[in-house]
Structures are given as structure tokens and as C-alpha cells.
Amino acid sequence: MPSRSVPHTVTLMTRKSCGSCGRVKEQIAPVVEEAGALLEVVDVDQEGVGGELAIEFGDRVPVVLIDNEEFACWEVENEELAAALRK
């Protein structure tokens, strides 16, 4: 199977008051890098006027999105993430 020509984008939705967010970022960063994907970290409390992301994600952070599709919430399995990024 040929590799993807455009790398996946992994977005980690976080907030400063989230104790798990930093841990998940450190956990997934090597998996994302090894897959050749891009990692974006978004603080839901800092995005835009009106707080749409804060309302959408509420207390569910950390949330991992792959190409803008929700992949995981709170906990991430590295093996599952790596498999998803190979697709």
C-alpha cells in the first residue's frame, strides 16, 4: 500500500487547567513524529472570540483529533494511534 502523500494532522485539544493534557502531549508526540504526521496543540480557552471550542469540548480535554475527526478523549493508546496514522 503506498504511503499517504499528505501527512496526517494530529490536533490535541487542551486547556491550561487540565492535568492530563501535558502528559498526553508527551505520550503521543513521539508516535506522531515517527508517523511523519504534524502535531498541533490547541488551547480551547484561547481560540477565538465567543469560546466555541471551550463550549464544544467542555471538560472532555484532552481530545485527540486526526485530520479534524475525533480519535480519542482523555486516554490514548499509542498502538491504536500509530495504526490510525498509517492509514
Protein backbone atom coordinates (compact mmCIF):
# COMPACT_ATOMS: atom_id res chain seq x y z
CA MET A 1 0.00 0.00 0.00
CA PRO A 2 1.51 3.36 -0.97
CA SER A 3 2.12 5.88 1.78
CA ARG A 4 -0.04 8.97 2.08
CA SER A 5 1.30 11.89 0.05
CA VAL A 6 -0.08 14.42 2.53
CA PRO A 7 0.82 13.87 6.17
CA HIS A 8 -1.93 13.46 8.74
CA THR A 9 -2.52 16.30 11.16
CA VAL A 10 -2.99 15.32 14.80
CA THR A 11 -4.63 18.03 16.87
CA LEU A 12 -4.54 17.85 20.65
CA MET A 13 -7.29 19.92 22.26
CA THR A 14 -6.12 21.11 25.70
CA ARG A 15 -6.63 23.72 28.37
CA LYS A 16 -4.19 25.12 30.93
CA SER A 17 -6.15 23.76 33.89
CA CYS A 18 -6.02 20.19 32.50
CA GLY A 19 -3.65 17.97 34.43
CA SER A 20 -3.70 15.17 31.83
CA CYS A 21 -3.13 17.36 28.78
CA GLY A 22 0.64 17.72 29.19
CA ARG A 23 1.04 14.01 29.87
CA VAL A 24 -0.91 13.07 26.75
CA LYS A 25 1.11 15.54 24.65
CA GLU A 26 4.39 13.99 25.83
CA GLN A 27 2.98 10.50 25.28
CA ILE A 28 1.76 10.99 21.70
CA ALA A 29 4.48 13.34 20.37
CA PRO A 30 6.96 10.52 19.54
CA VAL A 31 4.21 8.43 17.89
CA VAL A 32 3.11 11.38 15.76
CA GLU A 33 6.70 12.23 14.81
CA GLU A 34 7.53 8.63 13.88
CA ALA A 35 4.46 8.53 11.62
CA GLY A 36 5.59 11.71 9.85
CA ALA A 37 2.41 13.48 10.94
CA LEU A 38 2.02 17.04 12.15
CA LEU A 39 1.12 17.75 15.80
CA GLU A 40 -0.90 20.83 16.65
CA VAL A 41 -1.80 21.74 20.23
CA VAL A 42 -4.86 23.96 20.66
CA ASP A 43 -5.85 25.55 23.96
CA VAL A 44 -9.65 25.55 23.75
CA ASP A 45 -9.85 28.54 26.09
CA GLN A 46 -7.65 30.71 23.84
CA GLU A 47 -9.31 30.09 20.48
CA GLY A 48 -11.39 32.89 19.02
CA VAL A 49 -13.98 35.21 20.46
CA GLY A 50 -17.07 33.51 21.84
CA GLY A 51 -15.34 30.40 23.13
CA GLU A 52 -16.84 27.95 20.62
CA LEU A 53 -14.11 25.38 21.25
CA ALA A 54 -14.42 25.71 25.02
CA ILE A 55 -18.16 25.09 24.68
CA GLU A 56 -17.71 22.21 22.23
CA PHE A 57 -15.05 20.36 24.23
CA GLY A 58 -16.04 21.45 27.74
CA ASP A 59 -14.28 19.31 30.33
CA ARG A 60 -13.59 16.49 27.84
CA VAL A 61 -9.98 17.55 27.20
CA PRO A 62 -7.55 16.20 26.30
CA VAL A 63 -9.13 15.24 22.99
CA VAL A 64 -7.09 13.93 20.06
CA LEU A 65 -8.27 14.65 16.52
CA ILE A 66 -6.78 13.11 13.39
CA ASP A 67 -7.46 15.23 10.33
CA ASN A 68 -10.24 17.03 12.25
CA GLU A 69 -12.01 13.77 13.20
CA GLU A 70 -12.19 12.87 16.90
CA PHE A 71 -9.95 9.89 17.63
CA ALA A 72 -9.68 9.74 21.43
CA CYS A 73 -10.77 11.51 24.56
CA TRP A 74 -8.88 11.53 27.88
CA GLU A 75 -6.75 8.41 27.20
CA VAL A 76 -4.85 7.44 24.06
CA GLU A 77 -3.44 4.03 23.16
CA ASN A 78 -0.14 4.57 21.31
CA GLU A 79 -0.55 1.40 19.23
CA GLU A 80 -4.03 2.46 18.07
CA LEU A 81 -2.80 5.96 17.27
CA ALA A 82 0.14 4.59 15.27
CA ALA A 83 -2.19 2.25 13.34
CA ALA A 84 -4.59 5.11 12.54
CA LEU A 85 -1.71 7.26 11.30
CA ARG A 86 -0.54 4.51 8.93
CA LYS A 87 -3.87 4.66 7.05
